[in-house]
């Protein structure tokens, strides 16, 4: 059985105005049962909250760190937590 997980990620770099949130959503949807959101923050970072299996969340996190994203990622910080639910899908905020 896959253990459920929640990861909150803050992505730094040139990640706003380059389609970063949309590509993140597409990646989350391609992984399957990943729910949550991607949000532009006022300081130029993008916040990603993802809930799903630990494996799916780790795959999304690996992609965010991969350099295969739009723009230019200079840093990624994450915090793992227990899923809270409440997300019908993966949204852009």
PDB file of N, CA and C in Angstrom:
ATOM      1  N   UNK A   1       0.835  -1.193   0.000  1.00  0.00           N
ATOM      2  CA  UNK A   1       0.000   0.000   0.000  1.00  0.00           C
ATOM      3  C   UNK A   1       0.875   1.250   0.000  1.00  0.00           C
ATOM      4  N   UNK A   2       0.482   2.210  -0.785  1.00  0.00           N
ATOM      5  CA  UNK A   2       1.219   3.471  -0.853  1.00  0.00           C
ATOM      6  C   UNK A   2       0.816   4.371   0.304  1.00  0.00           C
ATOM      7  N   UNK A   3       1.802   4.896   1.008  1.00  0.00           N
ATOM      8  CA  UNK A   3       1.469   5.777   2.128  1.00  0.00           C
ATOM      9  C   UNK A   3       1.166   7.179   1.603  1.00  0.00           C
ATOM     10  N   UNK A   4       0.103   7.797   2.120  1.00  0.00           N
ATOM     11  CA  UNK A   4      -0.256   9.140   1.686  1.00  0.00           C
ATOM     12  C   UNK A   4       0.721  10.169   2.243  1.00  0.00           C
ATOM     13  N   UNK A   5       0.933  11.229   1.478  1.00  0.00           N
ATOM     14  CA  UNK A   5       1.886  12.261   1.885  1.00  0.00           C
ATOM     15  C   UNK A   5       1.420  13.626   1.398  1.00  0.00           C
ATOM     16  N   UNK A   6       2.005  14.646   2.012  1.00  0.00           N
ATOM     17  CA  UNK A   6       1.790  16.036   1.594  1.00  0.00           C
ATOM     18  C   UNK A   6       3.160  16.695   1.602  1.00  0.00           C
ATOM     19  N   UNK A   7       3.462  17.391   0.522  1.00  0.00           N
ATOM     20  CA  UNK A   7       4.704  18.153   0.475  1.00  0.00           C
ATOM     21  C   UNK A   7       4.375  19.583   0.051  1.00  0.00           C
ATOM     22  N   UNK A   8       4.950  20.534   0.792  1.00  0.00           N
ATOM     23  CA  UNK A   8       4.858  21.939   0.428  1.00  0.00           C
ATOM     24  C   UNK A   8       6.250  22.347  -0.048  1.00  0.00           C
ATOM     25  N   UNK A   9       6.290  22.937  -1.238  1.00  0.00           N
ATOM     26  CA  UNK A   9       7.561  23.246  -1.887  1.00  0.00           C
ATOM     27  C   UNK A   9       7.595  24.728  -2.246  1.00  0.00           C
ATOM     28  N   UNK A  10       8.722  25.365  -2.004  1.00  0.00           N
ATOM     29  CA  UNK A  10       8.956  26.739  -2.440  1.00  0.00           C
ATOM     30  C   UNK A  10      10.087  26.702  -3.451  1.00  0.00           C
ATOM     31  N   UNK A  11       9.794  27.202  -4.656  1.00  0.00           N
ATOM     32  CA  UNK A  11      10.746  27.157  -5.762  1.00  0.00           C
ATOM     33  C   UNK A  11      11.233  28.582  -6.031  1.00  0.00           C
ATOM     34  N   UNK A  12      12.557  28.757  -6.012  1.00  0.00           N
ATOM     35  CA  UNK A  12      13.169  30.065  -6.245  1.00  0.00           C
ATOM     36  C   UNK A  12      13.816  30.097  -7.622  1.00  0.00           C
ATOM     37  N   UNK A  13      13.977  31.296  -8.138  1.00  0.00           N
ATOM     38  CA  UNK A  13      14.624  31.493  -9.432  1.00  0.00           C
ATOM     39  C   UNK A  13      13.725  32.301 -10.351  1.00  0.00           C
ATOM     40  N   UNK A  14      13.939  32.144 -11.636  1.00  0.00           N
ATOM     41  CA  UNK A  14      13.070  32.797 -12.630  1.00  0.00           C
ATOM     42  C   UNK A  14      11.931  31.832 -12.940  1.00  0.00           C
ATOM     43  N   UNK A  15      10.908  31.870 -12.090  1.00  0.00           N
ATOM     44  CA  UNK A  15       9.838  30.876 -12.171  1.00  0.00           C
ATOM     45  C   UNK A  15       8.450  31.504 -12.307  1.00  0.00           C
ATOM     46  N   UNK A  16       8.404  32.820 -12.443  1.00  0.00           N
ATOM     47  CA  UNK A  16       7.119  33.475 -12.690  1.00  0.00           C
ATOM     48  C   UNK A  16       7.140  34.084 -14.082  1.00  0.00           C
ATOM     49  N   UNK A  17       5.983  34.016 -14.752  1.00  0.00           N
ATOM     50  CA  UNK A  17       5.876  34.572 -16.093  1.00  0.00           C
ATOM     51  C   UNK A  17       6.457  33.680 -17.175  1.00  0.00           C
ATOM     52  N   UNK A  18       6.719  32.408 -16.850  1.00  0.00           N
ATOM     53  CA  UNK A  18       7.327  31.481 -17.818  1.00  0.00           C
ATOM     54  C   UNK A  18       6.511  30.197 -17.975  1.00  0.00           C
ATOM     55  N   UNK A  19       5.291  30.173 -17.431  1.00  0.00           N
ATOM     56  CA  UNK A  19       4.447  28.984 -17.520  1.00  0.00           C
ATOM     57  C   UNK A  19       4.764  27.917 -16.489  1.00  0.00           C
ATOM     58  N   UNK A  20       5.507  28.279 -15.466  1.00  0.00           N
ATOM     59  CA  UNK A  20       5.955  27.310 -14.466  1.00  0.00           C
ATOM     60  C   UNK A  20       4.788  26.613 -13.766  1.00  0.00           C
ATOM     61  N   UNK A  21       3.795  27.395 -13.344  1.00  0.00           N
ATOM     62  CA  UNK A  21       2.646  26.805 -12.641  1.00  0.00           C
ATOM     63  C   UNK A  21       1.878  25.845 -13.548  1.00  0.00           C
ATOM     64  N   UNK A  22       1.708  26.214 -14.807  1.00  0.00           N
ATOM     65  CA  UNK A  22       0.955  25.377 -15.746  1.00  0.00           C
ATOM     66  C   UNK A  22       1.678  24.069 -16.029  1.00  0.00           C
ATOM     67  N   UNK A  23       2.997  24.146 -16.209  1.00  0.00           N
ATOM     68  CA  UNK A  23       3.761  22.912 -16.436  1.00  0.00           C
ATOM     69  C   UNK A  23       3.771  22.037 -15.180  1.00  0.00           C
ATOM     70  N   UNK A  24       3.791  22.668 -14.008  1.00  0.00           N
ATOM     71  CA  UNK A  24       3.730  21.913 -12.757  1.00  0.00           C
ATOM     72  C   UNK A  24       2.396  21.187 -12.648  1.00  0.00           C
ATOM     73  N   UNK A  25       1.328  21.875 -13.002  1.00  0.00           N
ATOM     74  CA  UNK A  25       0.003  21.241 -12.993  1.00  0.00           C
ATOM     75  C   UNK A  25      -0.036  20.062 -13.964  1.00  0.00           C
ATOM     76  N   UNK A  26       0.491  20.266 -15.159  1.00  0.00           N
ATOM     77  CA  UNK A  26       0.504  19.190 -16.156  1.00  0.00           C
ATOM     78  C   UNK A  26       1.298  17.989 -15.662  1.00  0.00           C
ATOM     79  N   UNK A  27       2.421  18.225 -15.004  1.00  0.00           N
ATOM     80  CA  UNK A  27       3.230  17.130 -14.463  1.00  0.00           C
ATOM     81  C   UNK A  27       2.472  16.404 -13.359  1.00  0.00           C
ATOM     82  N   UNK A  28       1.822  17.164 -12.469  1.00  0.00           N
ATOM     83  CA  UNK A  28       1.049  16.551 -11.379  1.00  0.00           C
ATOM     84  C   UNK A  28      -0.084  15.696 -11.945  1.00  0.00           C
ATOM     85  N   UNK A  29      -0.784  16.202 -12.951  1.00  0.00           N
ATOM     86  CA  UNK A  29      -1.877  15.445 -13.557  1.00  0.00           C
ATOM     87  C   UNK A  29      -1.352  14.192 -14.251  1.00  0.00           C
ATOM     88  N   UNK A  30      -0.193  14.281 -14.877  1.00  0.00           N
ATOM     89  CA  UNK A  30       0.391  13.126 -15.558  1.00  0.00           C
ATOM     90  C   UNK A  30       0.789  12.031 -14.562  1.00  0.00           C
ATOM     91  N   UNK A  31       1.138  12.425 -13.349  1.00  0.00           N
ATOM     92  CA  UNK A  31       1.515  11.449 -12.327  1.00  0.00           C
ATOM     93  C   UNK A  31       0.310  10.679 -11.808  1.00  0.00           C
ATOM     94  N   UNK A  32      -0.872  11.231 -11.975  1.00  0.00           N
ATOM     95  CA  UNK A  32      -2.078  10.526 -11.538  1.00  0.00           C
ATOM     96  C   UNK A  32      -2.762  11.199 -10.382  1.00  0.00           C
ATOM     97  N   UNK A  33      -2.809  10.540  -9.268  1.00  0.00           N
ATOM     98  CA  UNK A  33      -3.600  10.985  -8.116  1.00  0.00           C
ATOM     99  C   UNK A  33      -2.909  12.040  -7.264  1.00  0.00           C
ATOM    100  N   UNK A  34      -2.301  13.043  -7.888  1.00  0.00           N
ATOM    101  CA  UNK A  34      -1.691  14.143  -7.144  1.00  0.00           C
ATOM    102  C   UNK A  34      -2.660  15.318  -7.158  1.00  0.00           C
ATOM    103  N   UNK A  35      -2.968  15.815  -5.979  1.00  0.00           N
ATOM    104  CA  UNK A  35      -3.879  16.952  -5.840  1.00  0.00           C
ATOM    105  C   UNK A  35      -3.149  18.073  -5.108  1.00  0.00           C
ATOM    106  N   UNK A  36      -3.641  19.294  -5.290  1.00  0.00           N
ATOM    107  CA  UNK A  36      -3.033  20.435  -4.617  1.00  0.00           C
ATOM    108  C   UNK A  36      -3.092  21.671  -5.476  1.00  0.00           C
ATOM    109  N   UNK A  37      -2.007  22.478  -5.445  1.00  0.00           N
ATOM    110  CA  UNK A  37      -2.002  23.717  -6.227  1.00  0.00           C
ATOM    111  C   UNK A  37      -0.583  24.243  -6.410  1.00  0.00           C
ATOM    112  N   UNK A  38      -0.470  25.183  -7.365  1.00  0.00           N
ATOM    113  CA  UNK A  38       0.755  25.960  -7.575  1.00  0.00           C
ATOM    114  C   UNK A  38       0.350  27.428  -7.535  1.00  0.00           C
ATOM    115  N   UNK A  39       1.120  28.235  -6.824  1.00  0.00           N
ATOM    116  CA  UNK A  39       0.759  29.623  -6.547  1.00  0.00           C
ATOM    117  C   UNK A  39       1.976  30.526  -6.678  1.00  0.00           C
ATOM    118  N   UNK A  40       1.841  31.638  -7.423  1.00  0.00           N
ATOM    119  CA  UNK A  40       2.889  32.652  -7.456  1.00  0.00           C
ATOM    120  C   UNK A  40       2.875  33.430  -6.153  1.00  0.00           C
ATOM    121  N   UNK A  41       4.030  33.621  -5.545  1.00  0.00           N
ATOM    122  CA  UNK A  41       4.151  34.414  -4.325  1.00  0.00           C
ATOM    123  C   UNK A  41       4.667  35.802  -4.677  1.00  0.00           C
ATOM    124  N   UNK A  42       4.377  36.771  -3.815  1.00  0.00           N
ATOM    125  CA  UNK A  42       4.772  38.156  -4.064  1.00  0.00           C
ATOM    126  C   UNK A  42       6.282  38.347  -4.153  1.00  0.00           C
ATOM    127  N   UNK A  43       7.062  37.461  -3.533  1.00  0.00           N
ATOM    128  CA  UNK A  43       8.520  37.613  -3.526  1.00  0.00           C
ATOM    129  C   UNK A  43       9.196  36.961  -4.737  1.00  0.00           C
ATOM    130  N   UNK A  44       8.410  36.476  -5.711  1.00  0.00           N
ATOM    131  CA  UNK A  44       8.978  35.902  -6.931  1.00  0.00           C
ATOM    132  C   UNK A  44       9.082  34.390  -6.923  1.00  0.00           C
ATOM    133  N   UNK A  45       8.833  33.761  -5.781  1.00  0.00           N
ATOM    134  CA  UNK A  45       8.857  32.305  -5.714  1.00  0.00           C
ATOM    135  C   UNK A  45       7.518  31.728  -6.152  1.00  0.00           C
ATOM    136  N   UNK A  46       7.517  30.410  -6.402  1.00  0.00           N
ATOM    137  CA  UNK A  46       6.286  29.667  -6.628  1.00  0.00           C
ATOM    138  C   UNK A  46       6.158  28.661  -5.491  1.00  0.00           C
ATOM    139  N   UNK A  47       4.976  28.621  -4.887  1.00  0.00           N
ATOM    140  CA  UNK A  47       4.682  27.629  -3.857  1.00  0.00           C
ATOM    141  C   UNK A  47       3.874  26.509  -4.498  1.00  0.00           C
ATOM    142  N   UNK A  48       4.279  25.276  -4.230  1.00  0.00           N
ATOM    143  CA  UNK A  48       3.572  24.097  -4.717  1.00  0.00           C
ATOM    144  C   UNK A  48       3.172  23.267  -3.507  1.00  0.00           C
ATOM    145  N   UNK A  49       1.891  22.942  -3.408  1.00  0.00           N
ATOM    146  CA  UNK A  49       1.401  22.030  -2.373  1.00  0.00           C
ATOM    147  C   UNK A  49       0.857  20.814  -3.102  1.00  0.00           C
ATOM    148  N   UNK A  50       1.388  19.647  -2.778  1.00  0.00           N
ATOM    149  CA  UNK A  50       0.965  18.419  -3.455  1.00  0.00           C
ATOM    150  C   UNK A  50       0.629  17.354  -2.426  1.00  0.00           C
ATOM    151  N   UNK A  51      -0.476  16.677  -2.662  1.00  0.00           N
ATOM    152  CA  UNK A  51      -0.882  15.540  -1.845  1.00  0.00           C
ATOM    153  C   UNK A  51      -1.147  14.356  -2.752  1.00  0.00           C
ATOM    154  N   UNK A  52      -0.702  13.205  -2.310  1.00  0.00           N
ATOM    155  CA  UNK A  52      -0.877  11.959  -3.052  1.00  0.00           C
ATOM    156  C   UNK A  52      -0.059  10.897  -2.350  1.00  0.00           C
ATOM    157  N   UNK A  53       0.327   9.877  -3.076  1.00  0.00           N
ATOM    158  CA  UNK A  53       1.210   8.891  -2.454  1.00  0.00           C
ATOM    159  C   UNK A  53       2.589   9.521  -2.271  1.00  0.00           C
ATOM    160  N   UNK A  54       3.349   9.001  -1.318  1.00  0.00           N
ATOM    161  CA  UNK A  54       4.705   9.512  -1.087  1.00  0.00           C
ATOM    162  C   UNK A  54       5.516   9.412  -2.382  1.00  0.00           C
ATOM    163  N   UNK A  55       5.361   8.303  -3.092  1.00  0.00           N
ATOM    164  CA  UNK A  55       6.095   8.087  -4.341  1.00  0.00           C
ATOM    165  C   UNK A  55       5.763   9.160  -5.379  1.00  0.00           C
ATOM    166  N   UNK A  56       4.483   9.469  -5.562  1.00  0.00           N
ATOM    167  CA  UNK A  56       4.079  10.482  -6.540  1.00  0.00           C
ATOM    168  C   UNK A  56       4.595  11.862  -6.145  1.00  0.00           C
ATOM    169  N   UNK A  57       4.504  12.191  -4.869  1.00  0.00           N
ATOM    170  CA  UNK A  57       4.999  13.482  -4.400  1.00  0.00           C
ATOM    171  C   UNK A  57       6.507  13.591  -4.593  1.00  0.00           C
ATOM    172  N   UNK A  58       7.229  12.503  -4.342  1.00  0.00           N
ATOM    173  CA  UNK A  58       8.683  12.512  -4.558  1.00  0.00           C
ATOM    174  C   UNK A  58       9.023  12.682  -6.027  1.00  0.00           C
ATOM    175  N   UNK A  59       8.223  12.067  -6.922  1.00  0.00           N
ATOM    176  CA  UNK A  59       8.448  12.233  -8.363  1.00  0.00           C
ATOM    177  C   UNK A  59       8.220  13.677  -8.792  1.00  0.00           C
ATOM    178  N   UNK A  60       7.187  14.315  -8.266  1.00  0.00           N
ATOM    179  CA  UNK A  60       6.935  15.722  -8.586  1.00  0.00           C
ATOM    180  C   UNK A  60       8.071  16.595  -8.060  1.00  0.00           C
ATOM    181  N   UNK A  61       8.510  16.342  -6.846  1.00  0.00           N
ATOM    182  CA  UNK A  61       9.617  17.093  -6.260  1.00  0.00           C
ATOM    183  C   UNK A  61      10.893  16.909  -7.076  1.00  0.00           C
ATOM    184  N   UNK A  62      11.169  15.693  -7.510  1.00  0.00           N
ATOM    185  CA  UNK A  62      12.359  15.442  -8.335  1.00  0.00           C
ATOM    186  C   UNK A  62      12.277  16.233  -9.632  1.00  0.00           C
ATOM    187  N   UNK A  63      11.095  16.315 -10.235  1.00  0.00           N
ATOM    188  CA  UNK A  63      10.937  17.086 -11.470  1.00  0.00           C
ATOM    189  C   UNK A  63      11.175  18.566 -11.196  1.00  0.00           C
ATOM    190  N   UNK A  64      10.660  19.085 -10.077  1.00  0.00           N
ATOM    191  CA  UNK A  64      10.864  20.495  -9.741  1.00  0.00           C
ATOM    192  C   UNK A  64      12.348  20.817  -9.576  1.00  0.00           C
ATOM    193  N   UNK A  65      13.137  19.859  -9.144  1.00  0.00           N
ATOM    194  CA  UNK A  65      14.579  20.042  -8.956  1.00  0.00           C
ATOM    195  C   UNK A  65      15.400  19.723 -10.210  1.00  0.00           C
ATOM    196  N   UNK A  66      14.779  19.154 -11.229  1.00  0.00           N
ATOM    197  CA  UNK A  66      15.504  18.545 -12.346  1.00  0.00           C
ATOM    198  C   UNK A  66      16.159  19.502 -13.328  1.00  0.00           C
ATOM    199  N   UNK A  67      15.695  20.732 -13.421  1.00  0.00           N
ATOM    200  CA  UNK A  67      16.195  21.611 -14.464  1.00  0.00           C
ATOM    201  C   UNK A  67      15.422  21.438 -15.762  1.00  0.00           C
ATOM    202  N   UNK A  68      14.440  20.537 -15.770  1.00  0.00           N
ATOM    203  CA  UNK A  68      13.606  20.295 -16.946  1.00  0.00           C
ATOM    204  C   UNK A  68      12.325  21.123 -16.880  1.00  0.00           C
ATOM    205  N   UNK A  69      12.297  22.107 -16.000  1.00  0.00           N
ATOM    206  CA  UNK A  69      11.130  22.961 -15.816  1.00  0.00           C
ATOM    207  C   UNK A  69      11.289  24.223 -16.660  1.00  0.00           C
ATOM    208  N   UNK A  70      10.194  24.942 -16.908  1.00  0.00           N
ATOM    209  CA  UNK A  70      10.336  26.231 -17.582  1.00  0.00           C
ATOM    210  C   UNK A  70      11.045  27.229 -16.675  1.00  0.00           C
ATOM    211  N   UNK A  71      11.638  28.226 -17.256  1.00  0.00           N
ATOM    212  CA  UNK A  71      12.353  29.230 -16.462  1.00  0.00           C
ATOM    213  C   UNK A  71      13.688  28.694 -15.994  1.00  0.00           C
ATOM    214  N   UNK A  72      14.125  29.180 -14.836  1.00  0.00           N
ATOM    215  CA  UNK A  72      15.403  28.748 -14.272  1.00  0.00           C
ATOM    216  C   UNK A  72      15.251  28.627 -12.760  1.00  0.00           C
ATOM    217  N   UNK A  73      15.337  27.411 -12.279  1.00  0.00           N
ATOM    218  CA  UNK A  73      15.215  27.143 -10.847  1.00  0.00           C
ATOM    219  C   UNK A  73      16.595  27.271 -10.203  1.00  0.00           C
ATOM    220  N   UNK A  74      16.680  28.097  -9.151  1.00  0.00           N
ATOM    221  CA  UNK A  74      17.950  28.251  -8.429  1.00  0.00           C
ATOM    222  C   UNK A  74      17.913  27.605  -7.050  1.00  0.00           C
ATOM    223  N   UNK A  75      16.735  27.230  -6.598  1.00  0.00           N
ATOM    224  CA  UNK A  75      16.638  26.579  -5.297  1.00  0.00           C
ATOM    225  C   UNK A  75      15.246  26.029  -5.046  1.00  0.00           C
ATOM    226  N   UNK A  76      15.196  24.945  -4.291  1.00  0.00           N
ATOM    227  CA  UNK A  76      13.940  24.301  -3.934  1.00  0.00           C
ATOM    228  C   UNK A  76      14.010  23.927  -2.451  1.00  0.00           C
ATOM    229  N   UNK A  77      12.998  24.331  -1.709  1.00  0.00           N
ATOM    230  CA  UNK A  77      12.886  23.983  -0.292  1.00  0.00           C
ATOM    231  C   UNK A  77      11.564  23.249  -0.107  1.00  0.00           C
ATOM    232  N   UNK A  78      11.590  22.150   0.659  1.00  0.00           N
ATOM    233  CA  UNK A  78      10.348  21.414   0.866  1.00  0.00           C
ATOM    234  C   UNK A  78      10.150  21.062   2.326  1.00  0.00           C
ATOM    235  N   UNK A  79       8.886  20.904   2.682  1.00  0.00           N
ATOM    236  CA  UNK A  79       8.489  20.428   4.003  1.00  0.00           C
ATOM    237  C   UNK A  79       7.451  19.327   3.790  1.00  0.00           C
ATOM    238  N   UNK A  80       7.673  18.182   4.413  1.00  0.00           N
ATOM    239  CA  UNK A  80       6.737  17.047   4.335  1.00  0.00           C
ATOM    240  C   UNK A  80       5.795  17.089   5.518  1.00  0.00           C
ATOM    241  N   UNK A  81       4.562  16.637   5.278  1.00  0.00           N
ATOM    242  CA  UNK A  81       3.541  16.685   6.321  1.00  0.00           C
ATOM    243  C   UNK A  81       2.499  15.599   6.054  1.00  0.00           C
ATOM    244  N   UNK A  82       1.544  15.515   6.934  1.00  0.00           N
ATOM    245  CA  UNK A  82       0.416  14.602   6.779  1.00  0.00           C
ATOM    246  C   UNK A  82      -0.620  15.251   5.871  1.00  0.00           C
ATOM    247  N   UNK A  83      -1.200  14.501   4.925  1.00  0.00           N
ATOM    248  CA  UNK A  83      -2.212  15.089   4.041  1.00  0.00           C
ATOM    249  C   UNK A  83      -3.389  15.648   4.834  1.00  0.00           C
ATOM    250  N   UNK A  84      -3.910  16.761   4.344  1.00  0.00           N
ATOM    251  CA  UNK A  84      -5.056  17.408   4.978  1.00  0.00           C
ATOM    252  C   UNK A  84      -6.320  17.250   4.154  1.00  0.00           C
ATOM    253  N   UNK A  85      -6.153  16.912   2.869  1.00  0.00           N
ATOM    254  CA  UNK A  85      -7.307  16.750   1.988  1.00  0.00           C
ATOM    255  C   UNK A  85      -7.892  18.090   1.593  1.00  0.00           C
ATOM    256  N   UNK A  86      -9.058  18.019   0.963  1.00  0.00           N
ATOM    257  CA  UNK A  86      -9.743  19.240   0.571  1.00  0.00           C
ATOM    258  C   UNK A  86      -9.436  19.706  -0.840  1.00  0.00           C
ATOM    259  N   UNK A  87      -8.626  18.976  -1.591  1.00  0.00           N
ATOM    260  CA  UNK A  87      -8.297  19.353  -2.965  1.00  0.00           C
ATOM    261  C   UNK A  87      -8.988  18.373  -3.916  1.00  0.00           C
ATOM    262  N   UNK A  88      -9.795  18.903  -4.826  1.00  0.00           N
ATOM    263  CA  UNK A  88     -10.495  18.053  -5.796  1.00  0.00           C
ATOM    264  C   UNK A  88      -9.565  17.641  -6.931  1.00  0.00           C
ATOM    265  N   UNK A  89      -8.579  18.497  -7.249  1.00  0.00           N
ATOM    266  CA  UNK A  89      -7.629  18.245  -8.324  1.00  0.00           C
ATOM    267  C   UNK A  89      -6.377  19.063  -8.067  1.00  0.00           C
ATOM    268  N   UNK A  90      -5.550  19.236  -9.077  1.00  0.00           N
ATOM    269  CA  UNK A  90      -4.382  20.102  -8.952  1.00  0.00           C
ATOM    270  C   UNK A  90      -4.700  21.406  -9.673  1.00  0.00           C
ATOM    271  N   UNK A  91      -4.699  22.500  -8.923  1.00  0.00           N
ATOM    272  CA  UNK A  91      -5.140  23.809  -9.439  1.00  0.00           C
ATOM    273  C   UNK A  91      -3.983  24.783  -9.596  1.00  0.00           C
ATOM    274  N   UNK A  92      -4.265  25.800 -10.390  1.00  0.00           N
ATOM    275  CA  UNK A  92      -3.395  26.969 -10.502  1.00  0.00           C
ATOM    276  C   UNK A  92      -4.062  28.067  -9.701  1.00  0.00           C
ATOM    277  N   UNK A  93      -3.308  28.659  -8.814  1.00  0.00           N
ATOM    278  CA  UNK A  93      -3.882  29.772  -8.010  1.00  0.00           C
ATOM    279  C   UNK A  93      -3.116  31.037  -8.296  1.00  0.00           C
TER     280      UNK A  93
END
